[in-house]
């Protein structure tokens, strides 16, 4: 099993797959692709990654990109810690959270890139547009999270990691985040697999 990510280990989507593999207890090796040099378009890589993107998971003779597709594949094929709720409606809600985070809230993703999280780089206060996106995030997260402050759907799921990462773009930048949501994000960040990812050696910017 091989997981390909970019060389700065700053991809939120590669982190999601990395944590999924760790939670499942699957042995794999981590390999990097220099996106700045265009290595994702090299023939050897493109032959495996149909979309020429990372993360790329190679499982024997099967190769797959797009993080949510990978985590669903892992959950269906491999035993171990479930990555998604088993109830169909609850699983659909978890997938909704993942799809929303990946397709919306662009001002946050632009102004609070994952280099905030993995390199501590913050470029000024949020714009009005980004603050509006943050308020939308807070409203949805507050509605989704149980009042006891636990996981989204009782047992942990990969959607918890994805939501926590989006919140931590703001928490770790020092932006104002409701205390209940900030506490949730910090607890998710304490997951051993996340801490292992954070400890990976990163090149300078």
N, C-alpha and C. Protein backbone atom coordinates (compact mmCIF):
# COMPACT_ATOMS: atom_id res chain seq x y z
N UNK A 1 0.86 -1.19 0.00
CA UNK A 1 0.00 0.00 0.00
C UNK A 1 0.89 1.24 0.00
N UNK A 2 0.62 2.18 -0.90
CA UNK A 2 1.40 3.41 -1.00
C UNK A 2 0.44 4.60 -1.01
N UNK A 3 0.80 5.63 -0.26
CA UNK A 3 0.05 6.88 -0.27
C UNK A 3 0.97 7.99 -0.76
N UNK A 4 0.57 8.64 -1.85
CA UNK A 4 1.34 9.74 -2.41
C UNK A 4 0.70 11.06 -2.00
N UNK A 5 1.54 11.98 -1.52
CA UNK A 5 1.08 13.31 -1.16
C UNK A 5 2.08 14.33 -1.66
N UNK A 6 1.79 15.61 -1.46
CA UNK A 6 2.73 16.64 -1.90
C UNK A 6 3.84 16.80 -0.87
N UNK A 7 4.94 17.41 -1.30
CA UNK A 7 6.18 17.37 -0.53
C UNK A 7 6.17 18.21 0.73
N UNK A 8 5.18 19.12 0.90
CA UNK A 8 5.11 19.93 2.11
C UNK A 8 4.21 19.31 3.18
N UNK A 9 3.58 18.19 2.85
CA UNK A 9 2.63 17.55 3.77
C UNK A 9 1.60 18.57 4.27
N UNK A 10 1.09 19.37 3.37
CA UNK A 10 0.13 20.41 3.73
C UNK A 10 -1.24 20.19 3.10
N UNK A 11 -1.43 19.07 2.45
CA UNK A 11 -2.71 18.80 1.81
C UNK A 11 -3.72 18.29 2.84
N UNK A 12 -4.85 18.98 3.01
CA UNK A 12 -5.85 18.49 3.95
C UNK A 12 -6.45 17.17 3.50
N UNK A 13 -6.45 16.94 2.20
CA UNK A 13 -7.05 15.73 1.66
C UNK A 13 -6.12 14.53 1.85
N UNK A 14 -4.82 14.75 1.71
CA UNK A 14 -3.87 13.68 2.01
C UNK A 14 -3.88 13.36 3.50
N UNK A 15 -4.01 14.38 4.35
CA UNK A 15 -4.13 14.15 5.79
C UNK A 15 -5.33 13.26 6.08
N UNK A 16 -6.46 13.51 5.44
CA UNK A 16 -7.66 12.71 5.65
C UNK A 16 -7.40 11.24 5.34
N UNK A 17 -6.73 10.96 4.23
CA UNK A 17 -6.43 9.57 3.86
C UNK A 17 -5.40 8.97 4.81
N UNK A 18 -4.40 9.75 5.18
CA UNK A 18 -3.36 9.28 6.10
C UNK A 18 -4.00 8.83 7.42
N UNK A 19 -4.87 9.67 7.97
CA UNK A 19 -5.53 9.33 9.23
C UNK A 19 -6.43 8.11 9.05
N UNK A 20 -7.12 8.03 7.92
CA UNK A 20 -7.97 6.86 7.66
C UNK A 20 -7.15 5.57 7.67
N UNK A 21 -6.01 5.58 7.02
CA UNK A 21 -5.15 4.39 6.99
C UNK A 21 -4.66 4.03 8.39
N UNK A 22 -4.27 5.05 9.15
CA UNK A 22 -3.80 4.81 10.51
C UNK A 22 -4.92 4.26 11.39
N UNK A 23 -6.11 4.83 11.26
CA UNK A 23 -7.24 4.37 12.07
C UNK A 23 -7.62 2.93 11.73
N UNK A 24 -7.43 2.56 10.48
CA UNK A 24 -7.72 1.20 10.05
C UNK A 24 -6.61 0.21 10.44
N UNK A 25 -5.46 0.73 10.82
CA UNK A 25 -4.33 -0.14 11.15
C UNK A 25 -3.70 -0.78 9.94
N UNK A 26 -3.74 -0.09 8.80
CA UNK A 26 -3.20 -0.63 7.55
C UNK A 26 -1.75 -0.18 7.38
N UNK A 27 -0.88 -1.12 7.08
CA UNK A 27 0.52 -0.79 6.80
C UNK A 27 0.62 -0.14 5.42
N UNK A 28 1.36 0.96 5.34
CA UNK A 28 1.54 1.65 4.06
C UNK A 28 2.82 2.46 4.13
N UNK A 29 3.31 2.84 2.97
CA UNK A 29 4.43 3.77 2.96
C UNK A 29 3.98 5.08 2.33
N UNK A 30 4.59 6.16 2.82
CA UNK A 30 4.22 7.51 2.41
C UNK A 30 5.26 8.03 1.43
N UNK A 31 4.81 8.48 0.29
CA UNK A 31 5.70 9.00 -0.76
C UNK A 31 5.26 10.40 -1.15
N UNK A 32 6.22 11.21 -1.58
CA UNK A 32 5.90 12.60 -1.92
C UNK A 32 6.06 12.85 -3.41
N UNK A 33 5.29 13.82 -3.88
CA UNK A 33 5.30 14.25 -5.27
C UNK A 33 5.53 15.76 -5.27
N UNK A 34 6.49 16.22 -6.02
CA UNK A 34 6.82 17.65 -6.07
C UNK A 34 5.87 18.34 -7.04
N UNK A 35 4.79 18.88 -6.49
CA UNK A 35 3.81 19.55 -7.34
C UNK A 35 4.36 20.81 -7.98
N UNK A 36 5.24 21.51 -7.25
CA UNK A 36 5.83 22.74 -7.80
C UNK A 36 6.63 22.47 -9.06
N UNK A 37 7.21 21.29 -9.15
CA UNK A 37 7.99 20.91 -10.32
C UNK A 37 7.14 20.21 -11.39
N UNK A 38 5.84 20.08 -11.11
CA UNK A 38 4.95 19.44 -12.07
C UNK A 38 5.08 17.93 -12.13
N UNK A 39 5.59 17.32 -11.05
CA UNK A 39 5.82 15.87 -11.07
C UNK A 39 4.52 15.08 -11.18
N UNK A 40 3.40 15.71 -10.83
CA UNK A 40 2.11 15.00 -10.94
C UNK A 40 1.72 14.74 -12.39
N UNK A 41 2.38 15.45 -13.33
CA UNK A 41 2.08 15.26 -14.75
C UNK A 41 3.07 14.32 -15.44
N UNK A 42 4.07 13.85 -14.70
CA UNK A 42 5.04 12.93 -15.28
C UNK A 42 4.34 11.65 -15.71
N UNK A 43 4.76 11.06 -16.83
CA UNK A 43 4.05 9.89 -17.36
C UNK A 43 3.87 8.76 -16.35
N UNK A 44 4.90 8.47 -15.56
CA UNK A 44 4.80 7.35 -14.62
C UNK A 44 3.73 7.61 -13.56
N UNK A 45 3.66 8.85 -13.07
CA UNK A 45 2.65 9.17 -12.06
C UNK A 45 1.27 9.25 -12.70
N UNK A 46 1.18 9.91 -13.84
CA UNK A 46 -0.10 10.08 -14.51
C UNK A 46 -0.71 8.74 -14.93
N UNK A 47 0.13 7.74 -15.16
CA UNK A 47 -0.38 6.42 -15.53
C UNK A 47 -1.16 5.78 -14.40
N UNK A 48 -0.82 6.16 -13.16
CA UNK A 48 -1.54 5.63 -12.00
C UNK A 48 -2.64 6.58 -11.54
N UNK A 49 -2.35 7.87 -11.54
CA UNK A 49 -3.32 8.86 -11.10
C UNK A 49 -4.06 9.41 -12.32
N UNK A 50 -5.23 8.89 -12.58
CA UNK A 50 -5.97 9.30 -13.78
C UNK A 50 -6.23 10.80 -13.80
N UNK A 51 -6.39 11.39 -12.61
CA UNK A 51 -6.67 12.82 -12.52
C UNK A 51 -5.41 13.65 -12.34
N UNK A 52 -4.24 12.98 -12.24
CA UNK A 52 -2.96 13.66 -12.03
C UNK A 52 -3.01 14.56 -10.81
N UNK A 53 -3.59 14.02 -9.75
CA UNK A 53 -3.75 14.75 -8.50
C UNK A 53 -3.29 13.88 -7.33
N UNK A 54 -3.08 14.56 -6.21
CA UNK A 54 -2.85 13.85 -4.96
C UNK A 54 -3.99 14.22 -4.00
N UNK A 55 -4.27 13.36 -3.02
CA UNK A 55 -3.57 12.12 -2.71
C UNK A 55 -3.89 11.01 -3.72
N UNK A 56 -2.92 10.15 -3.88
CA UNK A 56 -3.08 8.94 -4.68
C UNK A 56 -2.81 7.75 -3.78
N UNK A 57 -3.75 6.82 -3.74
CA UNK A 57 -3.55 5.57 -3.00
C UNK A 57 -3.34 4.46 -4.01
N UNK A 58 -2.28 3.70 -3.81
CA UNK A 58 -2.01 2.53 -4.65
C UNK A 58 -2.11 1.30 -3.75
N UNK A 59 -3.09 0.46 -4.04
CA UNK A 59 -3.34 -0.76 -3.27
C UNK A 59 -3.18 -1.94 -4.21
N UNK A 60 -1.96 -2.48 -4.26
CA UNK A 60 -1.69 -3.55 -5.21
C UNK A 60 -1.79 -3.04 -6.63
N UNK A 61 -2.68 -3.61 -7.42
CA UNK A 61 -2.83 -3.19 -8.81
C UNK A 61 -3.96 -2.16 -8.98
N UNK A 62 -4.46 -1.63 -7.86
CA UNK A 62 -5.56 -0.67 -7.91
C UNK A 62 -5.06 0.68 -7.43
N UNK A 63 -5.31 1.73 -8.22
CA UNK A 63 -4.88 3.08 -7.87
C UNK A 63 -6.10 3.99 -7.88
N UNK A 64 -6.16 4.90 -6.89
CA UNK A 64 -7.35 5.73 -6.73
C UNK A 64 -6.96 7.11 -6.21
N UNK A 65 -7.56 8.14 -6.77
CA UNK A 65 -7.41 9.50 -6.25
C UNK A 65 -8.77 10.00 -5.75
N UNK A 66 -8.75 11.22 -5.20
CA UNK A 66 -9.89 11.89 -4.57
C UNK A 66 -10.12 11.28 -3.18
N UNK A 67 -9.84 12.10 -2.18
CA UNK A 67 -9.75 11.60 -0.80
C UNK A 67 -11.01 10.94 -0.30
N UNK A 68 -12.17 11.51 -0.56
CA UNK A 68 -13.39 10.90 -0.04
C UNK A 68 -13.67 9.56 -0.74
N UNK A 69 -13.31 9.45 -2.01
CA UNK A 69 -13.45 8.15 -2.70
C UNK A 69 -12.52 7.13 -2.06
N UNK A 70 -11.31 7.58 -1.70
CA UNK A 70 -10.34 6.67 -1.09
C UNK A 70 -10.83 6.21 0.28
N UNK A 71 -11.31 7.14 1.10
CA UNK A 71 -11.73 6.74 2.45
C UNK A 71 -12.96 5.83 2.40
N UNK A 72 -13.85 6.06 1.46
CA UNK A 72 -14.99 5.15 1.32
C UNK A 72 -14.52 3.76 0.88
N UNK A 73 -13.57 3.71 -0.04
CA UNK A 73 -13.01 2.43 -0.48
C UNK A 73 -12.38 1.70 0.70
N UNK A 74 -11.57 2.39 1.47
CA UNK A 74 -10.91 1.76 2.62
C UNK A 74 -11.93 1.22 3.61
N UNK A 75 -13.01 1.97 3.81
CA UNK A 75 -14.00 1.55 4.80
C UNK A 75 -14.78 0.33 4.32
N UNK A 76 -14.96 0.21 3.02
CA UNK A 76 -15.71 -0.93 2.49
C UNK A 76 -14.86 -2.19 2.38
N UNK A 77 -13.55 -2.03 2.19
CA UNK A 77 -12.69 -3.18 1.90
C UNK A 77 -11.95 -3.69 3.13
N UNK A 78 -11.61 -2.80 4.06
CA UNK A 78 -10.75 -3.17 5.17
C UNK A 78 -11.48 -3.09 6.51
N UNK A 79 -11.21 -4.05 7.40
CA UNK A 79 -11.78 -4.00 8.74
C UNK A 79 -11.07 -2.95 9.59
N UNK A 80 -11.39 -2.95 10.88
CA UNK A 80 -10.77 -1.96 11.76
C UNK A 80 -11.75 -0.85 12.09
N UNK A 81 -11.23 0.24 12.61
CA UNK A 81 -12.08 1.35 13.02
C UNK A 81 -12.94 1.85 11.87
N UNK A 82 -14.26 1.89 12.03
CA UNK A 82 -15.10 2.43 10.95
C UNK A 82 -14.76 3.90 10.68
N UNK A 83 -14.74 4.25 9.42
CA UNK A 83 -14.49 5.64 9.03
C UNK A 83 -15.79 6.42 8.84
N UNK A 84 -16.88 5.71 8.62
CA UNK A 84 -18.18 6.34 8.40
C UNK A 84 -19.22 5.65 9.27
N UNK A 85 -20.27 6.37 9.63
CA UNK A 85 -21.37 5.72 10.35
C UNK A 85 -21.98 4.60 9.52
N UNK A 86 -22.52 3.60 10.18
CA UNK A 86 -23.11 2.47 9.46
C UNK A 86 -24.54 2.74 9.03
N UNK A 87 -25.26 3.54 9.79
CA UNK A 87 -26.63 3.89 9.41
C UNK A 87 -26.61 4.69 8.12
N UNK A 88 -27.40 4.29 7.11
CA UNK A 88 -27.33 4.96 5.81
C UNK A 88 -27.59 6.46 5.85
N UNK A 89 -28.56 6.90 6.65
CA UNK A 89 -28.87 8.32 6.70
C UNK A 89 -27.75 9.09 7.40
N UNK A 90 -27.20 8.50 8.44
CA UNK A 90 -26.11 9.17 9.16
C UNK A 90 -24.85 9.20 8.30
N UNK A 91 -24.60 8.12 7.57
CA UNK A 91 -23.46 8.11 6.65
C UNK A 91 -23.63 9.18 5.58
N UNK A 92 -24.84 9.31 5.07
CA UNK A 92 -25.10 10.34 4.07
C UNK A 92 -24.82 11.73 4.63
N UNK A 93 -25.16 11.95 5.90
CA UNK A 93 -24.89 13.24 6.53
C UNK A 93 -23.39 13.47 6.64
N UNK A 94 -22.65 12.43 7.00
CA UNK A 94 -21.19 12.55 7.08
C UNK A 94 -20.60 12.89 5.72
N UNK A 95 -21.10 12.24 4.67
CA UNK A 95 -20.62 12.53 3.32
C UNK A 95 -21.02 13.94 2.90
N UNK A 96 -22.19 14.40 3.36
CA UNK A 96 -22.59 15.77 3.07
C UNK A 96 -21.60 16.75 3.67
N UNK A 97 -21.20 16.51 4.92
CA UNK A 97 -20.22 17.38 5.58
C UNK A 97 -18.92 17.42 4.77
N UNK A 98 -18.44 16.25 4.36
CA UNK A 98 -17.20 16.19 3.59
C UNK A 98 -17.34 16.94 2.26
N UNK A 99 -18.40 16.68 1.53
CA UNK A 99 -18.57 17.31 0.23
C UNK A 99 -18.70 18.82 0.37
N UNK A 100 -19.40 19.27 1.38
CA UNK A 100 -19.57 20.71 1.61
C UNK A 100 -18.24 21.39 1.90
N UNK A 101 -17.46 20.80 2.79
CA UNK A 101 -16.18 21.39 3.16
C UNK A 101 -15.25 21.46 1.95
N UNK A 102 -15.34 20.48 1.05
CA UNK A 102 -14.46 20.45 -0.11
C UNK A 102 -14.91 21.38 -1.23
N UNK A 103 -16.16 21.82 -1.21
CA UNK A 103 -16.67 22.58 -2.34
C UNK A 103 -17.11 24.00 -2.00
N UNK A 104 -17.16 24.35 -0.72
CA UNK A 104 -17.67 25.65 -0.30
C UNK A 104 -16.62 26.32 0.58
N UNK A 105 -16.96 27.47 1.13
CA UNK A 105 -16.10 28.19 2.08
C UNK A 105 -14.76 28.59 1.47
N UNK A 106 -14.78 28.87 0.17
CA UNK A 106 -13.54 29.19 -0.53
C UNK A 106 -12.78 30.38 0.08
N UNK A 107 -13.44 31.44 0.53
CA UNK A 107 -12.66 32.55 1.12
C UNK A 107 -11.82 32.12 2.32
N UNK A 108 -12.34 31.20 3.11
CA UNK A 108 -11.52 30.69 4.23
C UNK A 108 -10.34 29.91 3.69
N UNK A 109 -10.58 29.05 2.71
CA UNK A 109 -9.49 28.23 2.17
C UNK A 109 -8.41 29.07 1.51
N UNK A 110 -8.80 30.23 0.94
CA UNK A 110 -7.82 31.12 0.32
C UNK A 110 -7.04 31.91 1.36
N UNK A 111 -7.77 32.52 2.31
CA UNK A 111 -7.12 33.41 3.28
C UNK A 111 -6.53 32.66 4.48
N UNK A 112 -6.97 31.45 4.70
CA UNK A 112 -6.42 30.62 5.76
C UNK A 112 -6.08 29.26 5.18
N UNK A 113 -5.08 29.27 4.31
CA UNK A 113 -4.65 28.02 3.67
C UNK A 113 -4.09 27.08 4.74
N UNK A 114 -3.86 25.85 4.37
CA UNK A 114 -3.32 24.91 5.35
C UNK A 114 -1.88 25.24 5.73
N UNK A 115 -1.25 26.19 5.05
CA UNK A 115 0.06 26.64 5.52
C UNK A 115 -0.06 27.36 6.87
N UNK A 116 -1.26 27.85 7.19
CA UNK A 116 -1.51 28.37 8.54
C UNK A 116 -1.32 27.25 9.56
N UNK A 117 -1.88 26.09 9.24
CA UNK A 117 -1.87 24.96 10.17
C UNK A 117 -0.49 24.33 10.26
N UNK A 118 0.15 24.10 9.13
CA UNK A 118 1.36 23.30 9.12
C UNK A 118 2.65 24.13 9.13
N UNK A 119 2.53 25.44 8.86
CA UNK A 119 3.71 26.30 8.88
C UNK A 119 3.53 27.54 9.75
N UNK A 120 2.34 27.74 10.28
CA UNK A 120 2.09 28.89 11.14
C UNK A 120 2.09 30.21 10.42
N UNK A 121 1.79 30.21 9.12
CA UNK A 121 1.82 31.44 8.33
C UNK A 121 0.43 32.08 8.30
N UNK A 122 0.32 33.31 8.77
CA UNK A 122 -0.95 34.04 8.77
C UNK A 122 -0.75 35.37 8.05
N UNK A 123 -1.61 35.65 7.08
CA UNK A 123 -1.47 36.86 6.27
C UNK A 123 -2.58 37.86 6.57
N UNK A 124 -2.55 38.45 7.75
CA UNK A 124 -3.48 39.52 8.07
C UNK A 124 -4.84 39.04 8.51
N UNK A 125 -5.72 39.97 8.87
CA UNK A 125 -7.07 39.61 9.34
C UNK A 125 -7.95 39.11 8.21
N UNK A 126 -9.04 38.48 8.59
CA UNK A 126 -9.99 38.00 7.59
C UNK A 126 -10.67 39.16 6.88
N UNK A 127 -10.92 39.00 5.60
CA UNK A 127 -11.72 39.96 4.86
C UNK A 127 -13.19 39.80 5.26
N UNK A 128 -14.00 40.73 4.86
CA UNK A 128 -15.43 40.63 5.14
C UNK A 128 -16.03 39.38 4.50
N UNK A 129 -15.56 39.04 3.32
CA UNK A 129 -16.06 37.84 2.62
C UNK A 129 -15.68 36.58 3.40
N UNK A 130 -14.43 36.52 3.86
CA UNK A 130 -13.99 35.34 4.61
C UNK A 130 -14.70 35.26 5.96
N UNK A 131 -14.95 36.41 6.59
CA UNK A 131 -15.66 36.38 7.87
C UNK A 131 -17.09 35.89 7.68
N UNK A 132 -17.71 36.26 6.56
CA UNK A 132 -19.05 35.75 6.27
C UNK A 132 -19.03 34.23 6.09
N UNK A 133 -17.98 33.73 5.42
CA UNK A 133 -17.85 32.28 5.26
C UNK A 133 -17.61 31.62 6.61
N UNK A 134 -16.82 32.26 7.47
CA UNK A 134 -16.58 31.72 8.80
C UNK A 134 -17.87 31.65 9.60
N UNK A 135 -18.68 32.69 9.52
CA UNK A 135 -19.96 32.69 10.24
C UNK A 135 -20.86 31.56 9.74
N UNK A 136 -20.84 31.30 8.45
CA UNK A 136 -21.61 30.19 7.88
C UNK A 136 -21.09 28.86 8.42
N UNK A 137 -19.77 28.73 8.48
CA UNK A 137 -19.16 27.52 9.03
C UNK A 137 -19.57 27.32 10.48
N UNK A 138 -19.51 28.38 11.27
CA UNK A 138 -19.85 28.27 12.69
C UNK A 138 -21.32 27.86 12.87
N UNK A 139 -22.19 28.44 12.07
CA UNK A 139 -23.61 28.13 12.18
C UNK A 139 -23.88 26.66 11.89
N UNK A 140 -23.28 26.15 10.82
CA UNK A 140 -23.49 24.75 10.45
C UNK A 140 -22.86 23.81 11.47
N UNK A 141 -21.63 24.13 11.90
CA UNK A 141 -20.95 23.27 12.87
C UNK A 141 -21.70 23.22 14.18
N UNK A 142 -22.22 24.35 14.60
CA UNK A 142 -22.96 24.40 15.86
C UNK A 142 -24.24 23.56 15.77
N UNK A 143 -24.88 23.57 14.61
CA UNK A 143 -26.09 22.78 14.42
C UNK A 143 -25.78 21.28 14.35
N UNK A 144 -24.63 20.93 13.80
CA UNK A 144 -24.26 19.53 13.62
C UNK A 144 -23.77 18.88 14.91
N UNK A 145 -23.01 19.62 15.70
CA UNK A 145 -22.35 19.04 16.86
C UNK A 145 -23.34 18.85 18.02
N UNK A 146 -23.25 17.71 18.70
CA UNK A 146 -24.11 17.51 19.87
C UNK A 146 -23.73 18.47 20.98
N UNK A 147 -24.68 18.74 21.85
CA UNK A 147 -24.44 19.70 22.92
C UNK A 147 -23.42 19.21 23.94
N UNK A 148 -23.20 17.90 24.01
CA UNK A 148 -22.21 17.39 24.96
C UNK A 148 -20.78 17.55 24.46
N UNK A 149 -20.64 18.11 23.25
CA UNK A 149 -19.31 18.39 22.73
C UNK A 149 -18.58 17.21 22.16
N UNK A 150 -19.27 16.08 21.95
CA UNK A 150 -18.62 14.89 21.43
C UNK A 150 -18.43 14.93 19.93
N UNK A 151 -18.29 13.76 19.33
CA UNK A 151 -18.12 13.67 17.88
C UNK A 151 -19.43 14.00 17.16
N UNK A 152 -19.32 14.20 15.87
CA UNK A 152 -20.50 14.58 15.09
C UNK A 152 -21.64 13.58 15.21
N UNK A 153 -21.29 12.29 15.12
CA UNK A 153 -22.33 11.26 15.01
C UNK A 153 -22.17 10.17 16.06
N UNK A 154 -21.75 10.56 17.25
CA UNK A 154 -21.53 9.59 18.31
C UNK A 154 -20.12 9.04 18.24
N UNK A 155 -19.92 7.93 17.54
CA UNK A 155 -18.58 7.41 17.32
C UNK A 155 -17.82 8.32 16.35
N UNK A 156 -16.50 8.34 16.49
CA UNK A 156 -15.67 9.15 15.60
C UNK A 156 -15.88 8.73 14.14
N UNK A 157 -15.82 9.69 13.24
CA UNK A 157 -15.83 9.41 11.81
C UNK A 157 -14.83 10.34 11.12
N UNK A 158 -14.50 10.02 9.88
CA UNK A 158 -13.55 10.83 9.14
C UNK A 158 -14.09 12.23 8.90
N UNK A 159 -15.41 12.40 8.94
CA UNK A 159 -15.99 13.73 8.80
C UNK A 159 -15.61 14.63 9.97
N UNK A 160 -15.38 14.04 11.15
CA UNK A 160 -14.91 14.83 12.29
C UNK A 160 -13.56 15.47 11.99
N UNK A 161 -12.67 14.71 11.39
CA UNK A 161 -11.35 15.26 11.04
C UNK A 161 -11.49 16.40 10.04
N UNK A 162 -12.31 16.21 9.02
CA UNK A 162 -12.45 17.22 7.98
C UNK A 162 -13.05 18.51 8.54
N UNK A 163 -14.06 18.39 9.39
CA UNK A 163 -14.66 19.58 9.98
C UNK A 163 -13.67 20.26 10.92
N UNK A 164 -12.95 19.48 11.71
CA UNK A 164 -11.97 20.06 12.63
C UNK A 164 -10.86 20.78 11.89
N UNK A 165 -10.44 20.24 10.75
CA UNK A 165 -9.39 20.91 10.00
C UNK A 165 -9.87 22.27 9.49
N UNK A 166 -11.10 22.33 9.01
CA UNK A 166 -11.61 23.62 8.54
C UNK A 166 -11.69 24.62 9.68
N UNK A 167 -12.14 24.18 10.84
CA UNK A 167 -12.19 25.07 12.00
C UNK A 167 -10.79 25.49 12.44
N UNK A 168 -9.85 24.56 12.36
CA UNK A 168 -8.49 24.87 12.82
C UNK A 168 -7.76 25.83 11.89
N UNK A 169 -8.21 25.99 10.67
CA UNK A 169 -7.66 27.04 9.83
C UNK A 169 -7.82 28.40 10.52
N UNK A 170 -8.93 28.54 11.25
CA UNK A 170 -9.23 29.79 11.95
C UNK A 170 -8.67 29.79 13.37
N UNK A 171 -8.85 28.67 14.07
CA UNK A 171 -8.37 28.58 15.46
C UNK A 171 -6.87 28.84 15.52
N UNK A 172 -6.11 28.18 14.66
CA UNK A 172 -4.65 28.27 14.71
C UNK A 172 -4.13 29.57 14.12
N UNK A 173 -4.98 30.31 13.43
CA UNK A 173 -4.60 31.64 12.94
C UNK A 173 -4.90 32.72 13.97
N UNK A 174 -5.53 32.33 15.08
CA UNK A 174 -5.88 33.30 16.10
C UNK A 174 -7.16 34.05 15.84
N UNK A 175 -7.96 33.59 14.88
CA UNK A 175 -9.23 34.24 14.59
C UNK A 175 -10.25 33.88 15.68
N UNK A 176 -11.27 34.70 15.82
CA UNK A 176 -12.30 34.45 16.81
C UNK A 176 -13.17 33.28 16.38
N UNK A 177 -13.20 32.25 17.22
CA UNK A 177 -14.00 31.05 16.96
C UNK A 177 -14.78 30.75 18.23
N UNK A 178 -16.08 30.46 18.14
CA UNK A 178 -16.83 30.13 19.35
C UNK A 178 -16.13 29.04 20.16
N UNK A 179 -16.11 29.21 21.48
CA UNK A 179 -15.32 28.34 22.36
C UNK A 179 -15.69 26.86 22.18
N UNK A 180 -16.96 26.57 22.04
CA UNK A 180 -17.38 25.17 21.91
C UNK A 180 -16.81 24.52 20.65
N UNK A 181 -16.77 25.29 19.57
CA UNK A 181 -16.24 24.77 18.31
C UNK A 181 -14.71 24.67 18.35
N UNK A 182 -14.07 25.66 18.97
CA UNK A 182 -12.61 25.61 19.10
C UNK A 182 -12.17 24.42 19.95
N UNK A 183 -12.90 24.15 21.02
CA UNK A 183 -12.57 23.00 21.88
C UNK A 183 -12.73 21.70 21.11
N UNK A 184 -13.78 21.59 20.33
CA UNK A 184 -14.00 20.40 19.50
C UNK A 184 -12.84 20.21 18.53
N UNK A 185 -12.44 21.29 17.86
CA UNK A 185 -11.37 21.20 16.87
C UNK A 185 -10.06 20.76 17.54
N UNK A 186 -9.78 21.29 18.71
CA UNK A 186 -8.54 20.92 19.42
C UNK A 186 -8.56 19.44 19.83
N UNK A 187 -9.71 18.97 20.29
CA UNK A 187 -9.80 17.55 20.68
C UNK A 187 -9.58 16.63 19.49
N UNK A 188 -10.16 16.98 18.36
CA UNK A 188 -9.94 16.16 17.16
C UNK A 188 -8.48 16.18 16.74
N UNK A 189 -7.84 17.31 16.96
CA UNK A 189 -6.43 17.47 16.56
C UNK A 189 -5.50 16.64 17.43
N UNK A 190 -5.98 16.22 18.59
CA UNK A 190 -5.15 15.42 19.51
C UNK A 190 -5.11 13.94 19.11
N UNK A 191 -5.87 13.55 18.09
CA UNK A 191 -5.84 12.17 17.63
C UNK A 191 -4.40 11.77 17.30
N UNK A 192 -3.91 10.62 17.78
CA UNK A 192 -2.51 10.24 17.54
C UNK A 192 -2.10 10.28 16.07
N UNK A 193 -2.97 9.86 15.17
CA UNK A 193 -2.62 9.87 13.75
C UNK A 193 -2.42 11.28 13.24
N UNK A 194 -3.21 12.23 13.73
CA UNK A 194 -3.02 13.63 13.35
C UNK A 194 -1.70 14.14 13.88
N UNK A 195 -1.38 13.80 15.11
CA UNK A 195 -0.12 14.24 15.69
C UNK A 195 1.08 13.66 14.94
N UNK A 196 0.95 12.44 14.45
CA UNK A 196 2.02 11.86 13.63
C UNK A 196 2.20 12.66 12.34
N UNK A 197 1.10 13.05 11.72
CA UNK A 197 1.19 13.85 10.49
C UNK A 197 1.84 15.19 10.78
N UNK A 198 1.46 15.81 11.88
CA UNK A 198 2.03 17.12 12.24
C UNK A 198 3.54 17.02 12.48
N UNK A 199 4.00 15.86 12.93
CA UNK A 199 5.42 15.67 13.25
C UNK A 199 6.28 15.34 12.04
N UNK A 200 5.67 15.16 10.87
CA UNK A 200 6.48 14.84 9.68
C UNK A 200 7.42 16.00 9.36
N UNK A 201 8.66 15.70 8.94
CA UNK A 201 9.61 16.77 8.61
C UNK A 201 9.21 17.48 7.32
N UNK A 202 9.10 18.80 7.41
CA UNK A 202 8.65 19.60 6.27
C UNK A 202 9.76 20.49 5.76
N UNK A 203 9.88 20.65 4.44
CA UNK A 203 10.88 21.57 3.91
C UNK A 203 10.46 23.01 4.17
N UNK A 204 11.39 23.92 4.11
CA UNK A 204 11.07 25.33 4.26
C UNK A 204 10.28 25.84 3.08
N UNK A 205 9.60 26.95 3.29
CA UNK A 205 8.81 27.54 2.21
C UNK A 205 9.70 28.43 1.33
